[in-house]
């Protein structure tokens, strides 16, 4: 069950093996390559399904970088 064990401990295994953190990038952008409306108006640019998935992922990670 080596594969299952490594998947279960993937964050730790990455750190021990490579001395680097396990990083996941989630990026939402519009069809024209923007990440926000030009006017500065707040608007969802990702789907509800995508946002639900990201909330699940956030529960699995130790830290979240927002910028």
N, C-alpha and C. Protein backbone atom coordinates (compact mmCIF):
# COMPACT_ATOMS: atom_id res chain seq x y z
N UNK A 1 0.82 -1.19 0.00
CA UNK A 1 0.00 0.00 0.00
C UNK A 1 0.87 1.26 0.00
N UNK A 2 2.04 1.15 -0.61
CA UNK A 2 2.96 2.28 -0.64
C UNK A 2 2.35 3.51 -1.31
N UNK A 3 1.69 3.31 -2.45
CA UNK A 3 1.10 4.43 -3.18
C UNK A 3 0.03 5.13 -2.34
N UNK A 4 -0.83 4.37 -1.70
CA UNK A 4 -1.88 4.94 -0.86
C UNK A 4 -1.29 5.69 0.33
N UNK A 5 -0.24 5.11 0.91
CA UNK A 5 0.41 5.75 2.05
C UNK A 5 1.05 7.08 1.65
N UNK A 6 1.73 7.11 0.51
CA UNK A 6 2.36 8.35 0.05
C UNK A 6 1.32 9.41 -0.28
N UNK A 7 0.20 9.01 -0.86
CA UNK A 7 -0.86 9.97 -1.15
C UNK A 7 -1.45 10.54 0.13
N UNK A 8 -1.66 9.71 1.10
CA UNK A 8 -2.21 10.15 2.38
C UNK A 8 -1.26 11.13 3.07
N UNK A 9 0.03 10.93 2.90
CA UNK A 9 1.05 11.76 3.56
C UNK A 9 1.82 12.63 2.57
N UNK A 10 1.19 13.02 1.47
CA UNK A 10 1.89 13.71 0.38
C UNK A 10 2.57 15.01 0.80
N UNK A 11 1.98 15.75 1.73
CA UNK A 11 2.59 17.01 2.16
C UNK A 11 3.90 16.73 2.91
N UNK A 12 3.86 15.78 3.82
CA UNK A 12 5.04 15.41 4.59
C UNK A 12 6.10 14.77 3.69
N UNK A 13 5.69 13.86 2.83
CA UNK A 13 6.63 13.18 1.93
C UNK A 13 7.35 14.18 1.04
N UNK A 14 6.63 15.15 0.51
CA UNK A 14 7.24 16.18 -0.35
C UNK A 14 8.32 16.94 0.43
N UNK A 15 7.99 17.31 1.67
CA UNK A 15 8.95 18.06 2.48
C UNK A 15 10.20 17.22 2.79
N UNK A 16 10.01 15.99 3.19
CA UNK A 16 11.14 15.12 3.55
C UNK A 16 11.99 14.79 2.32
N UNK A 17 11.35 14.46 1.21
CA UNK A 17 12.07 14.05 0.01
C UNK A 17 12.77 15.22 -0.69
N UNK A 18 12.07 16.36 -0.84
CA UNK A 18 12.59 17.46 -1.66
C UNK A 18 12.97 18.70 -0.89
N UNK A 19 12.69 18.72 0.42
CA UNK A 19 12.93 19.91 1.26
C UNK A 19 12.21 21.13 0.68
N UNK A 20 11.04 20.88 0.13
CA UNK A 20 10.21 21.95 -0.42
C UNK A 20 8.76 21.72 0.02
N UNK A 21 8.02 22.80 0.20
CA UNK A 21 6.61 22.62 0.58
C UNK A 21 5.78 22.12 -0.59
N UNK A 22 4.70 21.48 -0.28
CA UNK A 22 3.72 21.03 -1.28
C UNK A 22 2.85 22.24 -1.57
N UNK A 23 2.83 22.69 -2.80
CA UNK A 23 2.13 23.92 -3.18
C UNK A 23 1.07 23.61 -4.24
N UNK A 24 -0.09 24.19 -4.08
CA UNK A 24 -1.15 24.08 -5.07
C UNK A 24 -1.56 25.49 -5.47
N UNK A 25 -1.65 25.73 -6.76
CA UNK A 25 -2.07 27.03 -7.26
C UNK A 25 -3.45 26.90 -7.87
N UNK A 26 -4.37 27.71 -7.42
CA UNK A 26 -5.71 27.78 -8.00
C UNK A 26 -5.85 29.18 -8.55
N UNK A 27 -6.16 29.30 -9.81
CA UNK A 27 -6.21 30.60 -10.45
C UNK A 27 -7.48 30.70 -11.26
N UNK A 28 -8.26 31.73 -11.02
CA UNK A 28 -9.45 31.99 -11.82
C UNK A 28 -9.20 33.25 -12.63
N UNK A 29 -9.53 33.19 -13.91
CA UNK A 29 -9.41 34.40 -14.72
C UNK A 29 -10.48 34.40 -15.80
N UNK A 30 -10.75 35.58 -16.29
CA UNK A 30 -11.78 35.74 -17.31
C UNK A 30 -11.26 35.27 -18.66
N UNK A 31 -12.15 35.19 -19.63
CA UNK A 31 -11.77 34.74 -20.97
C UNK A 31 -10.72 35.65 -21.61
N UNK A 32 -10.69 36.92 -21.22
CA UNK A 32 -9.69 37.83 -21.79
C UNK A 32 -8.41 37.89 -20.96
N UNK A 33 -8.26 36.94 -20.01
CA UNK A 33 -7.02 36.82 -19.26
C UNK A 33 -6.92 37.71 -18.03
N UNK A 34 -8.01 38.30 -17.63
CA UNK A 34 -7.99 39.18 -16.45
C UNK A 34 -8.42 38.40 -15.21
N UNK A 35 -8.04 38.94 -14.05
CA UNK A 35 -8.45 38.31 -12.79
C UNK A 35 -9.49 39.14 -12.06
N UNK A 36 -9.84 40.30 -12.61
CA UNK A 36 -10.86 41.16 -12.01
C UNK A 36 -11.44 42.06 -13.10
N UNK A 37 -12.58 42.65 -12.81
CA UNK A 37 -13.21 43.56 -13.75
C UNK A 37 -12.40 44.85 -13.85
N UNK A 38 -12.35 45.44 -15.02
CA UNK A 38 -11.59 46.66 -15.24
C UNK A 38 -12.08 47.81 -14.35
N UNK A 39 -13.37 47.84 -14.10
CA UNK A 39 -13.96 48.92 -13.29
C UNK A 39 -13.70 48.75 -11.80
N UNK A 40 -13.20 47.61 -11.41
CA UNK A 40 -12.95 47.34 -10.00
C UNK A 40 -14.16 46.76 -9.29
N UNK A 41 -15.24 46.57 -10.03
CA UNK A 41 -16.44 45.97 -9.44
C UNK A 41 -16.13 44.54 -9.01
N UNK A 42 -16.70 44.17 -7.86
CA UNK A 42 -16.54 42.81 -7.38
C UNK A 42 -17.48 41.90 -8.16
N UNK A 43 -16.94 40.80 -8.67
CA UNK A 43 -17.73 39.89 -9.47
C UNK A 43 -17.09 38.51 -9.42
N UNK A 44 -17.91 37.46 -9.25
CA UNK A 44 -17.37 36.11 -9.28
C UNK A 44 -16.95 35.79 -10.71
N UNK A 45 -15.73 35.31 -10.87
CA UNK A 45 -15.29 34.89 -12.20
C UNK A 45 -15.09 33.38 -12.27
N UNK A 46 -15.37 32.70 -11.17
CA UNK A 46 -15.33 31.23 -11.19
C UNK A 46 -16.73 30.71 -10.84
N UNK A 47 -16.98 29.47 -11.17
CA UNK A 47 -18.30 28.88 -10.95
C UNK A 47 -18.50 28.49 -9.49
N UNK A 48 -19.74 28.27 -9.13
CA UNK A 48 -20.06 27.83 -7.78
C UNK A 48 -19.42 26.47 -7.49
N UNK A 49 -19.40 25.59 -8.50
CA UNK A 49 -18.77 24.28 -8.33
C UNK A 49 -17.28 24.44 -8.03
N UNK A 50 -16.63 25.33 -8.76
CA UNK A 50 -15.20 25.59 -8.54
C UNK A 50 -14.95 26.13 -7.14
N UNK A 51 -15.78 27.06 -6.72
CA UNK A 51 -15.61 27.64 -5.37
C UNK A 51 -15.82 26.59 -4.29
N UNK A 52 -16.80 25.71 -4.46
CA UNK A 52 -17.02 24.63 -3.50
C UNK A 52 -15.81 23.70 -3.42
N UNK A 53 -15.24 23.39 -4.58
CA UNK A 53 -14.05 22.53 -4.62
C UNK A 53 -12.88 23.19 -3.90
N UNK A 54 -12.71 24.48 -4.10
CA UNK A 54 -11.60 25.20 -3.44
C UNK A 54 -11.78 25.21 -1.93
N UNK A 55 -12.99 25.35 -1.45
CA UNK A 55 -13.22 25.30 0.00
C UNK A 55 -12.82 23.94 0.57
N UNK A 56 -13.09 22.88 -0.18
CA UNK A 56 -12.66 21.55 0.25
C UNK A 56 -11.14 21.47 0.30
N UNK A 57 -10.48 21.99 -0.74
CA UNK A 57 -9.01 21.97 -0.76
C UNK A 57 -8.43 22.78 0.39
N UNK A 58 -9.02 23.92 0.69
CA UNK A 58 -8.52 24.76 1.78
C UNK A 58 -8.53 24.03 3.11
N UNK A 59 -9.46 23.11 3.29
CA UNK A 59 -9.51 22.37 4.54
C UNK A 59 -8.36 21.36 4.67
N UNK A 60 -7.69 21.06 3.55
CA UNK A 60 -6.61 20.08 3.56
C UNK A 60 -5.22 20.70 3.71
N UNK A 61 -5.10 22.01 3.52
CA UNK A 61 -3.79 22.67 3.52
C UNK A 61 -3.54 23.42 4.82
N UNK A 62 -2.27 23.56 5.19
CA UNK A 62 -1.90 24.24 6.42
C UNK A 62 -1.90 25.75 6.28
N UNK A 63 -1.71 26.26 5.08
CA UNK A 63 -1.63 27.70 4.88
C UNK A 63 -2.20 28.06 3.52
N UNK A 64 -2.69 29.29 3.42
CA UNK A 64 -3.25 29.79 2.17
C UNK A 64 -2.63 31.14 1.89
N UNK A 65 -2.08 31.30 0.70
CA UNK A 65 -1.49 32.58 0.29
C UNK A 65 -2.51 33.29 -0.58
N UNK A 66 -2.80 34.51 -0.23
CA UNK A 66 -3.77 35.30 -0.98
C UNK A 66 -3.08 36.58 -1.45
N UNK A 67 -3.27 36.90 -2.70
CA UNK A 67 -2.62 38.11 -3.20
C UNK A 67 -3.29 38.63 -4.43
